[in-house]
C-alpha atoms as a PDB file:
ATOM      1  CA  MET A   1     119.873  67.773  56.764  1.00  0.00           C
ATOM      2  CA  ARG A   2     120.726  65.236  59.967  1.00  0.00           C
ATOM      3  CA  VAL A   3     119.868  65.897  63.523  1.00  0.00           C
ATOM      4  CA  ARG A   4     123.309  66.397  65.539  1.00  0.00           C
ATOM      5  CA  ARG A   5     121.431  66.517  68.822  1.00  0.00           C
ATOM      6  CA  ILE A   6     118.532  65.710  70.706  1.00  0.00           C
ATOM      7  CA  VAL A   7     117.054  67.270  74.261  1.00  0.00           C
ATOM      8  CA  ASP A   8     114.300  65.478  76.329  1.00  0.00           C
ATOM      9  CA  LEU A   9     112.118  67.826  77.306  1.00  0.00           C
ATOM     10  CA  SER A  10     109.564  65.435  78.132  1.00  0.00           C
ATOM     11  CA  VAL A  11     108.944  63.885  81.632  1.00  0.00           C
ATOM     12  CA  PRO A  12     108.287  60.156  82.218  1.00  0.00           C
ATOM     13  CA  VAL A  13     104.795  58.990  82.175  1.00  0.00           C
ATOM     14  CA  GLY A  14     103.820  56.611  84.983  1.00  0.00           C
ATOM     15  CA  PRO A  15     102.868  55.992  88.155  1.00  0.00           C
ATOM     16  CA  GLY A  16     104.930  58.822  89.772  1.00  0.00           C
ATOM     17  CA  THR A  17     103.965  61.228  87.417  1.00  0.00           C
ATOM     18  CA  GLN A  18     102.864  64.782  89.384  1.00  0.00           C
ATOM     19  CA  VAL A  19      99.424  66.024  87.898  1.00  0.00           C
ATOM     20  CA  TYR A  20      98.272  68.740  88.399  1.00  0.00           C
ATOM     21  CA  PRO A  21      95.739  68.970  91.936  1.00  0.00           C
ATOM     22  CA  GLY A  22      92.498  67.077  91.432  1.00  0.00           C
ATOM     23  CA  ASP A  23      93.500  65.508  87.821  1.00  0.00           C
ATOM     24  CA  PRO A  24      93.401  61.381  87.416  1.00  0.00           C
ATOM     25  CA  GLU A  25      96.236  59.942  88.397  1.00  0.00           C
ATOM     26  CA  PRO A  26      97.892  58.252  85.666  1.00  0.00           C
ATOM     27  CA  ARG A  27      97.306  54.272  86.022  1.00  0.00           C
ATOM     28  CA  LEU A  28      99.409  51.817  83.660  1.00  0.00           C
ATOM     29  CA  ASN A  29      98.592  48.101  84.274  1.00  0.00           C
ATOM     30  CA  ALA A  30      99.251  44.780  82.293  1.00  0.00           C
ATOM     31  CA  HIS A  31      96.628  43.837  80.322  1.00  0.00           C
ATOM     32  CA  ALA A  32      98.143  41.419  78.614  1.00  0.00           C
ATOM     33  CA  THR A  33     101.093  39.275  78.918  1.00  0.00           C
ATOM     34  CA  ILE A  34     103.815  36.476  76.892  1.00  0.00           C
ATOM     35  CA  ALA A  35     103.628  34.323  79.354  1.00  0.00           C
ATOM     36  CA  ARG A  36      99.645  34.346  79.577  1.00  0.00           C
ATOM     37  CA  ASP A  37      98.691  35.754  76.060  1.00  0.00           C
ATOM     38  CA  GLY A  38     101.595  35.459  73.763  1.00  0.00           C
ATOM     39  CA  PHE A  39     102.696  39.503  73.871  1.00  0.00           C
ATOM     40  CA  ASN A  40     102.539  42.216  76.336  1.00  0.00           C
ATOM     41  CA  LEU A  41     100.002  45.002  75.929  1.00  0.00           C
ATOM     42  CA  LEU A  42      99.943  47.724  78.501  1.00  0.00           C
ATOM     43  CA  HIS A  43      96.050  49.076  79.922  1.00  0.00           C
ATOM     44  CA  VAL A  44      96.765  52.771  80.211  1.00  0.00           C
ATOM     45  CA  ASP A  45      94.140  54.805  81.783  1.00  0.00           C
ATOM     46  CA  MET A  46      95.213  58.997  82.141  1.00  0.00           C
ATOM     47  CA  GLY A  47      93.764  62.408  81.925  1.00  0.00           C
ATOM     48  CA  SER A  48      94.587  64.488  79.003  1.00  0.00           C
ATOM     49  CA  GLN A  49      96.845  66.711  80.925  1.00  0.00           C
ATOM     50  CA  THR A  50      99.008  64.099  82.073  1.00  0.00           C
ATOM     51  CA  GLY A  51     102.814  64.510  82.297  1.00  0.00           C
ATOM     52  CA  THR A  52     104.178  66.885  79.710  1.00  0.00           C
ATOM     53  CA  HIS A  53     101.254  67.607  77.296  1.00  0.00           C
ATOM     54  CA  VAL A  54      99.496  70.917  75.031  1.00  0.00           C
ATOM     55  CA  ASP A  55      96.170  72.246  75.525  1.00  0.00           C
ATOM     56  CA  ALA A  56      94.315  73.107  72.819  1.00  0.00           C
ATOM     57  CA  PRO A  57      92.621  76.143  72.995  1.00  0.00           C
ATOM     58  CA  TYR A  58      88.988  74.382  73.756  1.00  0.00           C
ATOM     59  CA  HIS A  59      90.421  73.628  76.680  1.00  0.00           C
ATOM     60  CA  PHE A  60      89.114  77.372  78.110  1.00  0.00           C
ATOM     61  CA  ARG A  61      86.356  78.026  75.362  1.00  0.00           C
ATOM     62  CA  ASP A  62      83.510  75.836  74.592  1.00  0.00           C
ATOM     63  CA  ASP A  63      83.859  77.758  71.270  1.00  0.00           C
ATOM     64  CA  ALA A  64      87.462  76.845  70.161  1.00  0.00           C
ATOM     65  CA  PRO A  65      89.178  74.565  68.249  1.00  0.00           C
ATOM     66  CA  ARG A  66      90.277  71.103  69.713  1.00  0.00           C
ATOM     67  CA  LEU A  67      92.935  69.466  69.967  1.00  0.00           C
ATOM     68  CA  HIS A  68      92.587  67.601  66.196  1.00  0.00           C
ATOM     69  CA  GLU A  69      91.534  70.910  64.585  1.00  0.00           C
ATOM     70  CA  LEU A  70      94.528  72.821  65.011  1.00  0.00           C
ATOM     71  CA  ASP A  71      97.287  72.958  62.357  1.00  0.00           C
ATOM     72  CA  LEU A  72     100.112  70.876  63.485  1.00  0.00           C
ATOM     73  CA  SER A  73     102.283  73.759  62.512  1.00  0.00           C
ATOM     74  CA  ARG A  74     101.464  75.067  66.184  1.00  0.00           C
ATOM     75  CA  PHE A  75     103.613  71.377  67.404  1.00  0.00           C
ATOM     76  CA  ILE A  76     107.026  72.346  65.324  1.00  0.00           C
ATOM     77  CA  GLY A  77     108.937  74.918  64.749  1.00  0.00           C
ATOM     78  CA  PRO A  78     112.027  77.049  65.819  1.00  0.00           C
ATOM     79  CA  GLY A  79     112.420  77.017  69.382  1.00  0.00           C
ATOM     80  CA  VAL A  80     112.875  80.442  71.681  1.00  0.00           C
ATOM     81  CA  VAL A  81     114.205  80.087  74.729  1.00  0.00           C
ATOM     82  CA  LEU A  82     113.513  82.363  77.563  1.00  0.00           C
ATOM     83  CA  ASP A  83     115.459  82.220  80.116  1.00  0.00           C
ATOM     84  CA  VAL A  84     114.045  83.526  83.404  1.00  0.00           C
ATOM     85  CA  ARG A  85     115.532  80.945  85.779  1.00  0.00           C
ATOM     86  CA  GLY A  86     116.388  82.479  89.499  1.00  0.00           C
ATOM     87  CA  LEU A  87     113.056  83.728  89.918  1.00  0.00           C
ATOM     88  CA  ALA A  88     111.676  83.548  93.721  1.00  0.00           C
ATOM     89  CA  PRO A  89     108.672  81.314  94.375  1.00  0.00           C
ATOM     90  CA  ARG A  90     105.136  82.565  92.744  1.00  0.00           C
ATOM     91  CA  THR A  91     106.409  85.013  90.986  1.00  0.00           C
ATOM     92  CA  PRO A  92     105.128  86.423  88.247  1.00  0.00           C
ATOM     93  CA  ILE A  93     107.410  86.377  84.799  1.00  0.00           C
ATOM     94  CA  THR A  94     106.719  89.689  83.697  1.00  0.00           C
ATOM     95  CA  TRP A  95     107.552  91.513  80.041  1.00  0.00           C
ATOM     96  CA  ASP A  96     110.812  93.307  81.624  1.00  0.00           C
ATOM     97  CA  ARG A  97     112.518  89.960  82.727  1.00  0.00           C
ATOM     98  CA  LEU A  98     111.567  88.159  78.875  1.00  0.00           C
ATOM     99  CA  ASP A  99     114.195  89.234  75.538  1.00  0.00           C
ATOM    100  CA  PRO A 100     111.702  89.445  72.781  1.00  0.00           C
ATOM    101  CA  ALA A 101     114.717  88.756  69.896  1.00  0.00           C
ATOM    102  CA  GLY A 102     113.957  86.295  68.032  1.00  0.00           C
ATOM    103  CA  LEU A 103     109.893  86.001  69.081  1.00  0.00           C
ATOM    104  CA  LYS A 104     108.020  86.211  65.994  1.00  0.00           C
ATOM    105  CA  PRO A 105     104.905  84.221  63.789  1.00  0.00           C
ATOM    106  CA  GLY A 106     105.824  80.752  63.808  1.00  0.00           C
ATOM    107  CA  VAL A 107     108.244  80.081  67.022  1.00  0.00           C
ATOM    108  CA  ILE A 108     107.989  77.524  69.865  1.00  0.00           C
ATOM    109  CA  ALA A 109     108.712  80.365  72.859  1.00  0.00           C
ATOM    110  CA  LEU A 110     109.892  77.967  75.575  1.00  0.00           C
ATOM    111  CA  ILE A 111     109.900  79.644  79.203  1.00  0.00           C
ATOM    112  CA  CYS A 112     112.161  78.048  80.890  1.00  0.00           C
ATOM    113  CA  THR A 113     112.038  78.672  84.653  1.00  0.00           C
ATOM    114  CA  GLY A 114     114.767  76.409  86.145  1.00  0.00           C
ATOM    115  CA  TRP A 115     111.442  74.719  88.108  1.00  0.00           C
ATOM    116  CA  SER A 116     111.676  71.467  86.326  1.00  0.00           C
ATOM    117  CA  ARG A 117     114.369  70.454  89.306  1.00  0.00           C
ATOM    118  CA  PHE A 118     111.534  70.511  91.882  1.00  0.00           C
ATOM    119  CA  TYR A 119     109.251  68.150  89.628  1.00  0.00           C
ATOM    120  CA  GLY A 120     108.088  65.553  92.152  1.00  0.00           C
ATOM    121  CA  THR A 121     108.032  67.650  95.102  1.00  0.00           C
ATOM    122  CA  ASP A 122     105.206  70.102  96.547  1.00  0.00           C
ATOM    123  CA  ALA A 123     107.496  73.277  95.575  1.00  0.00           C
ATOM    124  CA  TYR A 124     106.480  72.128  92.132  1.00  0.00           C
ATOM    125  CA  PHE A 125     103.483  73.570  92.566  1.00  0.00           C
ATOM    126  CA  ASP A 126     105.290  77.528  93.766  1.00  0.00           C
ATOM    127  CA  HIS A 127     106.666  77.982  90.305  1.00  0.00           C
ATOM    128  CA  PRO A 128     106.553  81.149  88.408  1.00  0.00           C
ATOM    129  CA  PHE A 129     103.829  82.111  86.309  1.00  0.00           C
ATOM    130  CA  LEU A 130     103.371  84.216  83.594  1.00  0.00           C
ATOM    131  CA  ASP A 131     102.077  87.767  83.491  1.00  0.00           C
ATOM    132  CA  ALA A 132      99.199  88.691  81.311  1.00  0.00           C
ATOM    133  CA  ASP A 133     101.098  91.920  80.449  1.00  0.00           C
ATOM    134  CA  ALA A 134     103.879  89.940  79.134  1.00  0.00           C
ATOM    135  CA  CYS A 135     101.922  87.157  77.208  1.00  0.00           C
ATOM    136  CA  ARG A 136      99.582  89.709  75.593  1.00  0.00           C
ATOM    137  CA  ARG A 137     103.122  91.562  73.779  1.00  0.00           C
ATOM    138  CA  MET A 138     104.183  87.898  72.972  1.00  0.00           C
ATOM    139  CA  LEU A 139     100.942  87.496  71.067  1.00  0.00           C
ATOM    140  CA  ASP A 140     101.470  90.998  70.157  1.00  0.00           C
ATOM    141  CA  LEU A 141     104.669  89.294  68.108  1.00  0.00           C
ATOM    142  CA  GLY A 142     102.987  86.585  66.585  1.00  0.00           C
ATOM    143  CA  VAL A 143     103.321  83.968  69.240  1.00  0.00           C
ATOM    144  CA  ARG A 144     101.162  81.258  68.777  1.00  0.00           C
ATOM    145  CA  THR A 145     102.636  78.573  71.154  1.00  0.00           C
ATOM    146  CA  PHE A 146     104.036  79.005  74.778  1.00  0.00           C
ATOM    147  CA  CYS A 147     105.655  75.979  76.638  1.00  0.00           C
ATOM    148  CA  VAL A 148     106.894  76.292  80.189  1.00  0.00           C
ATOM    149  CA  ASP A 149     108.692  73.959  82.887  1.00  0.00           C
ATOM    150  CA  ALA A 150     106.132  74.106  85.258  1.00  0.00           C
ATOM    151  CA  ILE A 151     102.637  72.371  85.883  1.00  0.00           C
ATOM    152  CA  ASN A 152     100.933  75.894  84.701  1.00  0.00           C
ATOM    153  CA  ILE A 153     101.663  78.614  82.662  1.00  0.00           C
ATOM    154  CA  ASP A 154      99.198  80.171  85.306  1.00  0.00           C
ATOM    155  CA  GLU A 155      99.600  80.225  89.050  1.00  0.00           C
ATOM    156  CA  THR A 156      98.642  77.484  90.857  1.00  0.00           C
ATOM    157  CA  PRO A 157      96.099  77.753  92.731  1.00  0.00           C
ATOM    158  CA  SER A 158      95.417  80.977  91.384  1.00  0.00           C
ATOM    159  CA  GLU A 159      92.639  82.909  93.019  1.00  0.00           C
ATOM    160  CA  ILE A 160      92.213  85.270  90.016  1.00  0.00           C
ATOM    161  CA  GLY A 161      91.643  82.175  87.687  1.00  0.00           C
ATOM    162  CA  TYR A 162      93.652  81.510  84.465  1.00  0.00           C
ATOM    163  CA  PRO A 163      94.069  84.977  82.516  1.00  0.00           C
ATOM    164  CA  VAL A 164      97.218  83.657  80.455  1.00  0.00           C
ATOM    165  CA  HIS A 165      95.274  80.304  79.610  1.00  0.00           C
ATOM    166  CA  HIS A 166      92.346  82.565  78.326  1.00  0.00           C
ATOM    167  CA  LEU A 167      94.425  85.289  76.613  1.00  0.00           C
ATOM    168  CA  ILE A 168      95.961  82.025  74.368  1.00  0.00           C
ATOM    169  CA  ALA A 169      92.545  80.535  74.276  1.00  0.00           C
ATOM    170  CA  GLN A 170      90.883  83.466  72.485  1.00  0.00           C
ATOM    171  CA  ALA A 171      94.173  83.906  69.964  1.00  0.00           C
ATOM    172  CA  GLY A 172      93.703  80.232  69.082  1.00  0.00           C
ATOM    173  CA  GLY A 173      97.284  79.596  70.630  1.00  0.00           C
ATOM    174  CA  VAL A 174      98.703  76.227  72.034  1.00  0.00           C
ATOM    175  CA  ILE A 175     100.021  76.064  75.869  1.00  0.00           C
ATOM    176  CA  GLY A 176     102.686  73.191  76.676  1.00  0.00           C
ATOM    177  CA  GLU A 177     103.362  72.601  80.398  1.00  0.00           C
ATOM    178  CA  ASN A 178     105.708  70.009  82.306  1.00  0.00           C
ATOM    179  CA  PHE A 179     108.111  70.388  79.922  1.00  0.00           C
ATOM    180  CA  ARG A 180     112.059  69.534  81.676  1.00  0.00           C
ATOM    181  CA  ASN A 181     115.603  69.938  80.666  1.00  0.00           C
ATOM    182  CA  LEU A 182     115.215  73.441  78.165  1.00  0.00           C
ATOM    183  CA  GLU A 183     118.550  74.407  80.045  1.00  0.00           C
ATOM    184  CA  LEU A 184     120.010  71.936  78.188  1.00  0.00           C
ATOM    185  CA  ILE A 185     119.073  73.810  74.923  1.00  0.00           C
ATOM    186  CA  ASP A 186     122.211  75.525  74.692  1.00  0.00           C
ATOM    187  CA  PHE A 187     122.997  75.229  70.557  1.00  0.00           C
ATOM    188  CA  PRO A 188     121.241  77.890  68.041  1.00  0.00           C
ATOM    189  CA  ASP A 189     118.330  77.609  66.122  1.00  0.00           C
ATOM    190  CA  PRO A 190     116.520  74.723  67.624  1.00  0.00           C
ATOM    191  CA  LEU A 191     113.761  72.893  65.904  1.00  0.00           C
ATOM    192  CA  VAL A 192     111.308  72.116  68.369  1.00  0.00           C
ATOM    193  CA  SER A 193     108.711  69.041  68.050  1.00  0.00           C
ATOM    194  CA  CYS A 194     105.579  68.764  70.567  1.00  0.00           C
ATOM    195  CA  LEU A 195     103.269  67.000  68.183  1.00  0.00           C
ATOM    196  CA  PRO A 196     100.361  65.496  70.521  1.00  0.00           C
ATOM    197  CA  ILE A 197      98.403  62.037  70.412  1.00  0.00           C
ATOM    198  CA  ALA A 198      95.777  62.509  67.620  1.00  0.00           C
ATOM    199  CA  LEU A 199      92.663  62.471  70.348  1.00  0.00           C
ATOM    200  CA  GLU A 200      89.244  63.137  68.756  1.00  0.00           C
ATOM    201  CA  ASN A 201      87.900  66.372  70.066  1.00  0.00           C
ATOM    202  CA  ALA A 202      90.036  66.640  73.115  1.00  0.00           C
ATOM    203  CA  ASP A 203      91.143  69.879  75.075  1.00  0.00           C
ATOM    204  CA  GLY A 204      94.889  68.462  74.783  1.00  0.00           C
ATOM    205  CA  ALA A 205      97.208  65.543  74.680  1.00  0.00           C
ATOM    206  CA  PRO A 206     100.461  64.109  76.252  1.00  0.00           C
ATOM    207  CA  VAL A 207     103.345  64.865  73.555  1.00  0.00           C
ATOM    208  CA  ARG A 208     106.886  63.486  73.441  1.00  0.00           C
ATOM    209  CA  ALA A 209     108.660  67.261  73.191  1.00  0.00           C
ATOM    210  CA  VAL A 210     112.422  67.190  71.865  1.00  0.00           C
ATOM    211  CA  ALA A 211     114.678  70.094  70.624  1.00  0.00           C
ATOM    212  CA  MET A 212     116.408  68.959  67.834  1.00  0.00           C
ATOM    213  CA  GLN A 213     120.081  70.317  67.145  1.00  0.00           C
ATOM    214  CA  LEU A 214     120.266  70.349  63.043  1.00  0.00           C
ATOM    215  CA  GLU A 215     123.129  70.199  60.643  1.00  0.00           C
ATOM    216  CA  GLY A 216     122.863  71.694  57.210  1.00  0.00           C
END
């Protein structure tokens, strides 16, 4: 088996990384340099939800699994692209807009809003968001990993809280946010990897997410 093509689904982490309002801004500074120390070493200061990242259920439930307690199968598996591009700002993604074909246990649902084109602008915060009823139906089909090309799977900001975060956390599922390039996955049966940094006792962690086209 060979990897024929890789689509990078991650945003870069640096001074220009867009964060959820109030979250820590990433800071990357040189701790050591070749000229001074004989080697280069970067000092990295950022929040657990920086850039393309995944949320563990612990993000919204104190009694739920933390990141290091989750089975790694939550972060790698066949991807199913749910193309909902064309929605207006702040539109709920309802069940009737989704194609449930392929949604089953073990898949990684990739909700393609097309909103990553606004990354780095104020419009990025006006993204469409997953409707709670649609989330429940996806959970009923066995989906436990939900990834979206927006800063939040719920509305930003939300006057009703974070219903989808709570539903997925209650089910022991995983959320991935700030994905990009989902529209470039134009091949069947992509293998998706969004394995996080192995932070202990964490609510989430940055990932280098990719979609791979495999040759048998």
